[in-house]
C-alpha atoms as a PDB file:
ATOM      1  CA  MET A   1      52.458 -92.048  55.667  1.00  0.00           C
ATOM      2  CA  LYS A   2      52.989 -88.765  54.801  1.00  0.00           C
ATOM      3  CA  THR A   3      54.792 -87.234  51.333  1.00  0.00           C
ATOM      4  CA  VAL A   4      58.027 -85.569  51.914  1.00  0.00           C
ATOM      5  CA  ILE A   5      58.946 -85.027  48.321  1.00  0.00           C
ATOM      6  CA  THR A   6      58.320 -85.559  44.711  1.00  0.00           C
ATOM      7  CA  PRO A   7      60.908 -86.724  42.871  1.00  0.00           C
ATOM      8  CA  GLU A   8      61.532 -86.113  39.135  1.00  0.00           C
ATOM      9  CA  ASN A   9      61.956 -90.005  38.592  1.00  0.00           C
ATOM     10  CA  HIS A  10      62.450 -93.471  39.436  1.00  0.00           C
ATOM     11  CA  ALA A  11      66.511 -92.870  40.035  1.00  0.00           C
ATOM     12  CA  GLU A  12      66.140 -89.903  42.073  1.00  0.00           C
ATOM     13  CA  ALA A  13      63.249 -91.507  44.244  1.00  0.00           C
ATOM     14  CA  SER A  14      65.340 -94.562  44.860  1.00  0.00           C
ATOM     15  CA  ALA A  15      68.511 -92.723  45.899  1.00  0.00           C
ATOM     16  CA  ILE A  16      66.380 -90.379  48.498  1.00  0.00           C
ATOM     17  CA  LYS A  17      65.138 -93.371  49.806  1.00  0.00           C
ATOM     18  CA  ALA A  18      68.402 -95.578  50.161  1.00  0.00           C
ATOM     19  CA  VAL A  19      69.630 -92.120  51.864  1.00  0.00           C
ATOM     20  CA  LEU A  20      66.520 -92.194  54.390  1.00  0.00           C
ATOM     21  CA  ALA A  21      67.061 -95.947  54.850  1.00  0.00           C
ATOM     22  CA  GLU A  22      70.844 -95.057  56.078  1.00  0.00           C
ATOM     23  CA  HIS A  23      69.590 -92.781  58.740  1.00  0.00           C
ATOM     24  CA  ASN A  24      66.803 -95.616  59.940  1.00  0.00           C
ATOM     25  CA  ILE A  25      63.785 -93.959  58.019  1.00  0.00           C
ATOM     26  CA  HIS A  26      61.599 -96.334  56.511  1.00  0.00           C
ATOM     27  CA  ALA A  27      60.392 -94.619  53.034  1.00  0.00           C
ATOM     28  CA  GLU A  28      58.069 -96.217  50.375  1.00  0.00           C
ATOM     29  CA  ILE A  29      57.829 -94.747  46.626  1.00  0.00           C
ATOM     30  CA  GLN A  30      54.977 -94.606  44.998  1.00  0.00           C
ATOM     31  CA  SER A  31      54.703 -93.697  41.448  1.00  0.00           C
ATOM     32  CA  PHE A  32      51.769 -92.766  39.310  1.00  0.00           C
ATOM     33  CA  HIS A  33      52.540 -94.551  36.426  1.00  0.00           C
ATOM     34  CA  ASP A  34      49.694 -96.466  35.084  1.00  0.00           C
ATOM     35  CA  THR A  35      50.274 -98.445  32.091  1.00  0.00           C
ATOM     36  CA  ALA A  36      46.400 -98.588  31.301  1.00  0.00           C
ATOM     37  CA  TYR A  37      46.423 -94.744  31.012  1.00  0.00           C
ATOM     38  CA  ASP A  38      49.919 -95.006  29.366  1.00  0.00           C
ATOM     39  CA  GLY A  39      51.534 -92.205  31.781  1.00  0.00           C
ATOM     40  CA  LEU A  40      48.672 -89.811  32.110  1.00  0.00           C
ATOM     41  CA  PHE A  41      48.731 -89.356  35.548  1.00  0.00           C
ATOM     42  CA  GLN A  42      52.407 -88.813  35.747  1.00  0.00           C
ATOM     43  CA  ALA A  43      51.938 -86.144  33.407  1.00  0.00           C
ATOM     44  CA  GLN A  44      49.100 -84.333  35.702  1.00  0.00           C
ATOM     45  CA  LYS A  45      50.662 -85.141  38.996  1.00  0.00           C
ATOM     46  CA  GLY A  46      54.357 -85.709  38.248  1.00  0.00           C
ATOM     47  CA  TRP A  47      56.528 -88.702  38.172  1.00  0.00           C
ATOM     48  CA  GLY A  48      55.375 -90.064  41.968  1.00  0.00           C
ATOM     49  CA  VAL A  49      55.918 -89.193  45.665  1.00  0.00           C
ATOM     50  CA  VAL A  50      58.458 -90.860  48.783  1.00  0.00           C
ATOM     51  CA  ASN A  51      56.591 -91.328  51.473  1.00  0.00           C
ATOM     52  CA  VAL A  52      57.352 -91.737  55.175  1.00  0.00           C
ATOM     53  CA  ALA A  53      55.753 -92.034  58.567  1.00  0.00           C
ATOM     54  CA  GLU A  54      54.343 -89.229  60.423  1.00  0.00           C
ATOM     55  CA  ASP A  55      56.921 -89.171  62.997  1.00  0.00           C
ATOM     56  CA  ASP A  56      59.559 -89.091  60.557  1.00  0.00           C
ATOM     57  CA  VAL A  57      58.513 -86.391  58.321  1.00  0.00           C
ATOM     58  CA  ASP A  58      60.485 -83.414  60.188  1.00  0.00           C
ATOM     59  CA  ALA A  59      63.518 -85.779  59.918  1.00  0.00           C
ATOM     60  CA  ALA A  60      62.942 -87.019  56.798  1.00  0.00           C
ATOM     61  CA  ARG A  61      62.744 -83.366  55.038  1.00  0.00           C
ATOM     62  CA  HIS A  62      66.027 -82.050  56.806  1.00  0.00           C
ATOM     63  CA  ILE A  63      68.119 -84.835  55.826  1.00  0.00           C
ATOM     64  CA  ILE A  64      66.606 -84.768  52.045  1.00  0.00           C
ATOM     65  CA  GLU A  65      67.409 -80.839  52.333  1.00  0.00           C
ATOM     66  CA  GLU A  66      70.877 -81.565  53.222  1.00  0.00           C
ATOM     67  CA  TRP A  67      71.713 -84.310  50.922  1.00  0.00           C
ATOM     68  CA  GLN A  68      70.180 -81.762  48.200  1.00  0.00           C
ATOM     69  CA  ASN A  69      72.292 -79.115  48.996  1.00  0.00           C
ATOM     70  CA  ALA A  70      75.482 -81.742  49.185  1.00  0.00           C
ATOM     71  CA  ALA A  71      74.771 -82.955  45.561  1.00  0.00           C
ATOM     72  CA  PRO A  72      76.530 -81.540  42.583  1.00  0.00           C
ATOM     73  CA  ASP A  73      74.563 -79.527  40.554  1.00  0.00           C
ATOM     74  CA  ASP A  74      74.797 -81.603  37.496  1.00  0.00           C
ATOM     75  CA  LEU A  75      72.675 -84.975  38.935  1.00  0.00           C
ATOM     76  CA  PRO A  76      72.361 -88.035  36.410  1.00  0.00           C
ATOM     77  CA  TRP A  77      68.777 -87.805  36.753  1.00  0.00           C
ATOM     78  CA  ASP A  78      68.361 -83.814  35.523  1.00  0.00           C
ATOM     79  CA  GLU A  79      66.534 -83.545  32.468  1.00  0.00           C
ATOM     80  CA  THR A  80      67.341 -79.586  32.483  1.00  0.00           C
END
């Protein structure tokens, strides 16, 4: 499995996973949250990553890019 994107939060990761599933690409979400360290790794590495099989990396990145470009500027998980 290879990382295709580092989402801002769980909502974005779930949306990306759903979009990839619509295109028959299996994706796995890996959060860096660890309750033992109270989110320390998320502060250092980011929220987490979305991974896909190596054979699907190029297609997944293309789908994600198109999805991001088609999305409205004000997304519900934007924290800016």
